[in-house]
Protein backbone atom coordinates (compact mmCIF):
# COMPACT_ATOMS: atom_id res chain seq x y z
CA MET A 1 -78.91 -22.00 -6.01
CA LYS A 2 -76.83 -18.98 -6.91
CA LEU A 3 -75.44 -20.84 -9.99
CA LEU A 4 -78.95 -21.82 -11.10
CA LYS A 5 -80.16 -18.24 -10.67
CA ASN A 6 -77.34 -16.98 -12.95
CA LEU A 7 -77.76 -19.76 -15.49
CA PRO A 8 -80.31 -17.90 -17.74
CA ILE A 9 -77.97 -14.90 -17.86
CA ILE A 10 -75.07 -17.13 -18.90
CA ILE A 11 -77.09 -18.85 -21.61
CA LEU A 12 -78.34 -15.49 -22.94
CA ALA A 13 -74.80 -14.08 -23.06
CA THR A 14 -73.59 -17.15 -24.92
CA VAL A 15 -76.41 -16.86 -27.49
CA LEU A 16 -75.74 -13.18 -28.04
CA SER A 17 -72.04 -13.82 -28.38
CA SER A 18 -72.77 -16.60 -30.93
CA CYS A 19 -75.07 -14.35 -32.95
CA GLY A 20 -72.51 -11.58 -33.00
CA SER A 21 -69.64 -13.75 -34.20
CA SER A 22 -68.82 -14.02 -37.88
CA LYS A 23 -67.25 -16.79 -39.87
CA LYS A 24 -64.01 -15.64 -41.47
CA THR A 25 -61.89 -17.35 -44.11
CA THR A 26 -58.93 -16.31 -46.24
CA SER A 27 -58.72 -16.60 -50.04
CA THR A 28 -56.29 -15.70 -52.81
CA TYR A 29 -57.44 -14.01 -55.99
CA TRP A 30 -55.97 -12.75 -59.23
CA VAL A 31 -57.67 -9.42 -60.11
CA ASN A 32 -57.80 -8.70 -63.85
CA SER A 33 -56.20 -5.64 -65.30
CA SER A 34 -59.47 -4.12 -66.51
CA LYS A 35 -63.06 -3.79 -65.28
CA VAL A 36 -66.08 -4.81 -67.31
CA ASP A 37 -69.63 -3.56 -67.70
CA CYS A 38 -71.97 -5.46 -65.36
CA ASP A 39 -75.43 -5.33 -63.86
CA ALA A 40 -75.23 -4.99 -60.08
CA GLY A 41 -78.96 -5.07 -59.47
CA ALA A 42 -79.40 -1.32 -58.98
CA GLY A 43 -78.36 -0.59 -62.53
CA LYS A 44 -75.43 -0.80 -64.90
CA THR A 45 -71.95 -0.28 -63.43
CA THR A 46 -68.40 -1.65 -63.84
CA CYS A 47 -67.07 -4.66 -61.92
CA LEU A 48 -63.70 -6.17 -61.11
CA GLN A 49 -62.96 -9.55 -62.65
CA VAL A 50 -61.29 -12.17 -60.41
CA THR A 51 -60.16 -15.76 -60.50
CA LYS A 52 -58.83 -18.15 -57.91
CA ALA A 53 -56.88 -20.08 -60.56
CA ASP A 54 -53.05 -19.88 -60.55
CA ASP A 55 -52.94 -19.78 -64.34
CA TYR A 56 -54.70 -16.42 -64.85
CA ASP A 57 -53.92 -16.31 -68.55
CA ASN A 58 -56.31 -19.19 -69.28
CA ALA A 59 -58.65 -18.63 -66.38
CA ASP A 60 -62.42 -18.16 -66.52
CA TRP A 61 -62.81 -14.68 -65.03
CA SER A 62 -65.81 -14.00 -62.85
CA ASN A 63 -67.43 -10.60 -62.20
CA PHE A 64 -66.88 -9.44 -58.65
CA TYR A 65 -69.69 -7.19 -57.42
CA ALA A 66 -68.65 -6.44 -53.84
CA PRO A 67 -66.03 -3.91 -52.73
CA ILE A 68 -62.68 -5.13 -51.32
CA ASN A 69 -61.82 -2.91 -48.39
CA GLY A 70 -58.26 -1.58 -48.64
CA PHE A 71 -57.68 -2.71 -52.26
CA THR A 72 -56.79 -0.22 -54.96
CA PHE A 73 -57.57 -1.24 -58.53
CA GLU A 74 -54.92 -0.19 -61.10
CA PRO A 75 -55.90 -0.38 -64.78
CA GLY A 76 -53.37 -2.31 -66.79
CA TYR A 77 -52.03 -4.32 -63.91
CA LEU A 78 -52.77 -7.91 -62.83
CA GLN A 79 -52.72 -8.21 -59.05
CA LYS A 80 -52.57 -11.33 -56.91
CA ILE A 81 -54.13 -10.53 -53.53
CA GLU A 82 -54.90 -12.28 -50.25
CA VAL A 83 -58.33 -11.42 -48.92
CA THR A 84 -60.32 -12.23 -45.79
CA GLU A 85 -63.98 -13.16 -46.40
CA THR A 86 -66.28 -12.50 -43.41
CA ALA A 87 -69.82 -13.87 -43.50
CA LEU A 88 -72.11 -11.17 -42.18
CA ASN A 89 -75.22 -11.66 -40.03
CA SER A 90 -78.04 -11.72 -42.56
CA GLU A 91 -80.30 -9.80 -40.21
CA ASN A 92 -78.00 -6.81 -40.37
CA VAL A 93 -77.40 -6.81 -44.17
CA PRO A 94 -79.63 -4.77 -46.48
CA ALA A 95 -81.42 -6.80 -49.22
CA ASP A 96 -79.29 -5.24 -51.99
CA ALA A 97 -75.94 -5.53 -50.20
CA ALA A 98 -73.30 -8.31 -50.17
CA SER A 99 -73.61 -10.89 -47.37
CA ILE A 100 -69.79 -11.28 -47.25
CA GLN A 101 -67.33 -8.54 -46.29
CA TYR A 102 -64.03 -8.62 -48.16
CA ASP A 103 -60.89 -7.07 -46.69
CA LEU A 104 -57.43 -6.93 -48.25
CA VAL A 105 -54.69 -8.68 -46.29
CA ASN A 106 -51.85 -7.94 -48.73
CA VAL A 107 -50.88 -7.68 -52.37
CA ILE A 108 -48.85 -10.79 -53.10
CA GLU A 109 -47.81 -9.93 -56.65
CA LYS A 110 -48.42 -7.13 -59.20
CA LYS A 111 -47.42 -7.22 -62.84
CA GLN A 112 -48.19 -5.20 -65.95
CA ASP A 113 -50.66 -7.04 -68.16
CA PRO A 114 -48.92 -8.12 -71.45
CA LYS A 115 -52.26 -7.47 -73.29
CA LEU A 116 -51.40 -3.79 -73.05
CA GLU A 117 -49.16 -4.31 -76.01
CA ILE A 118 -52.15 -4.32 -78.32
CA HIS A 119 -53.84 -1.38 -76.58
CA ASP A 120 -53.54 1.02 -79.58
CA ILE A 121 -54.97 2.20 -82.91
CA TRP A 122 -54.27 -0.05 -85.91
CA ALA A 123 -54.72 0.33 -89.66
CA ALA A 124 -55.46 -2.74 -91.74
CA THR A 125 -52.91 -3.71 -94.42
CA HIS A 126 -54.01 -7.21 -95.45
CA ILE A 127 -57.17 -9.29 -95.60
CA SER A 128 -56.54 -13.06 -95.89
CA GLY A 129 -53.02 -12.32 -97.15
CA ASP A 130 -54.19 -9.87 -99.85
CA PRO A 131 -52.77 -6.32 -99.54
CA ILE A 132 -55.36 -3.59 -99.18
CA GLU A 133 -54.87 -1.06 -101.98
CA ILE A 134 -57.38 1.70 -101.52
CA ALA A 135 -57.40 5.38 -100.69
CA ASN A 136 -55.96 6.09 -97.23
CA ASN A 137 -59.20 7.59 -95.94
CA ASN A 138 -61.08 4.33 -96.61
CA ILE A 139 -58.64 1.92 -94.97
CA PRO A 140 -60.22 -0.23 -92.28
CA THR A 141 -59.07 0.58 -88.75
CA LEU A 142 -59.26 -1.01 -85.30
CA GLU A 143 -58.80 0.71 -81.93
CA ILE A 144 -58.32 -1.71 -79.05
CA ASN A 145 -58.87 -0.28 -75.57
CA THR A 146 -57.87 -3.01 -73.08
CA THR A 147 -58.54 -0.73 -70.13
CA GLU A 148 -62.21 -0.43 -70.95
CA MET A 149 -62.33 -3.74 -72.85
CA ARG A 150 -63.82 -1.96 -75.86
CA ALA A 151 -63.08 -1.94 -79.62
CA PHE A 152 -63.77 0.74 -82.19
CA GLY A 153 -63.03 1.36 -85.84
CA THR A 154 -64.23 1.44 -89.40
CA ASN A 155 -64.48 -1.32 -92.04
CA GLY A 156 -63.63 1.22 -94.72
CA CYS A 157 -67.20 2.41 -94.99
CA ASN A 158 -69.11 1.99 -91.71
CA SER A 159 -68.02 2.68 -88.14
CA TYR A 160 -68.34 -0.07 -85.55
CA SER A 161 -67.92 -0.36 -81.80
CA GLY A 162 -68.47 -2.97 -79.13
CA GLN A 163 -67.17 -4.94 -76.20
CA ILE A 164 -64.12 -7.18 -75.96
CA LYS A 165 -65.36 -10.18 -74.01
CA ASN A 166 -61.97 -11.71 -73.25
CA ILE A 167 -58.29 -11.36 -74.03
CA THR A 168 -55.38 -13.70 -73.16
CA SER A 169 -51.75 -13.45 -74.26
CA ASP A 170 -52.69 -14.95 -77.65
CA ALA A 171 -56.49 -15.18 -77.93
CA ILE A 172 -59.23 -12.53 -78.19
CA GLU A 173 -63.00 -12.69 -78.23
CA PHE A 174 -65.08 -9.76 -79.42
CA GLY A 175 -68.70 -9.26 -78.47
CA ALA A 176 -71.44 -8.12 -80.86
CA MET A 177 -70.47 -4.92 -82.68
CA ALA A 178 -72.87 -2.04 -83.32
CA SER A 179 -72.35 -0.58 -86.79
CA THR A 180 -73.59 2.27 -88.96
CA ARG A 181 -75.53 1.17 -92.11
CA LYS A 182 -74.14 3.29 -94.98
CA MET A 183 -73.78 1.94 -98.50
CA CYS A 184 -70.53 3.07 -100.09
CA MET A 185 -69.60 3.03 -103.79
CA ASP A 186 -67.36 -0.02 -103.37
CA MET A 187 -68.30 -2.50 -100.64
CA LEU A 188 -65.78 -5.20 -101.51
CA ILE A 189 -63.21 -4.32 -98.84
CA PRO A 190 -65.82 -3.49 -96.11
CA ASP A 191 -67.64 -6.78 -96.70
CA ARG A 192 -64.45 -8.84 -96.70
CA PHE A 193 -63.26 -7.05 -93.61
CA ASP A 194 -66.52 -7.76 -91.73
CA LYS A 195 -66.42 -11.41 -92.64
CA ALA A 196 -62.79 -11.78 -91.50
CA PHE A 197 -63.36 -9.79 -88.30
CA ASN A 198 -66.22 -12.07 -87.33
CA SER A 199 -63.85 -15.07 -87.61
CA ILE A 200 -61.11 -13.76 -85.31
CA SER A 201 -59.93 -16.29 -82.75
CA THR A 202 -56.24 -15.58 -81.94
CA TYR A 203 -53.69 -12.87 -82.46
CA LYS A 204 -49.95 -12.24 -82.63
CA LYS A 205 -48.04 -8.96 -82.29
CA GLU A 206 -44.57 -8.59 -83.87
CA GLY A 207 -43.06 -5.17 -83.58
CA LEU A 208 -45.54 -2.70 -85.13
CA THR A 209 -47.60 -5.45 -86.79
CA LEU A 210 -50.67 -7.09 -85.35
CA SER A 211 -52.08 -10.20 -87.04
CA PHE A 212 -55.33 -12.03 -86.38
CA TYR A 213 -56.11 -15.67 -87.11
CA ASN A 214 -59.18 -17.81 -87.35
CA GLU A 215 -59.72 -21.15 -85.53
CA ALA A 216 -57.76 -22.96 -88.29
CA SER A 217 -54.80 -20.68 -87.57
CA ASP A 218 -55.07 -18.91 -90.96
CA GLU A 219 -54.11 -15.25 -91.00
CA ILE A 220 -57.28 -13.34 -91.82
CA LEU A 221 -56.39 -9.72 -90.94
CA ARG A 222 -53.12 -7.90 -90.59
CA PHE A 223 -52.68 -4.38 -89.17
CA LYS A 224 -49.92 -1.88 -88.64
CA LYS A 225 -49.68 0.50 -85.70
CA VAL A 226 -50.95 4.02 -86.47
CA ASP A 227 -48.34 6.68 -85.61
């Protein structure tokens, strides 16, 4: 009889213990060397980009909206990390919060991102193999900021700026560029530059020279590093 009397208490304790427990798993991520603009529901912010692929250079990066407790993001560095993922009780999680808690176990590997080599200001010297021979103050320029994943510059007449959607060790994808709308005396170089810029697919850096190629592997723009 004593056991039967205590049975409801035992069942209740088991249920409460079950409700309080959380499912925990461990995963390994590569964290990209730069954050990107993202919409986290409450407004615009910046997010980490992560992948579970071993080949991070050709990976499809995903925006990561939740914090990783104990992890320190370092711009310019790729980090391979081990993380525990704990599923939280949905009843205790606010509607706008993550349902999984991420905690850093350890940093497995950290390396400087080779894309930093093109993080600089560049002046155009050639369009489709033709040297640009105009006054210095009208030479097209390109500033690549791999930390913010942004690009800025001038086509020789109008200023432009926009997002860099993706960079690997040899490929780059620019987003839509916002541009001023001036009409200059000679629009030949600006128009040729815009057409070439919109065809960029891959790149190659050699010393102080940065070249861009289209999908057919034809060089369409060549730049030199600005001192």
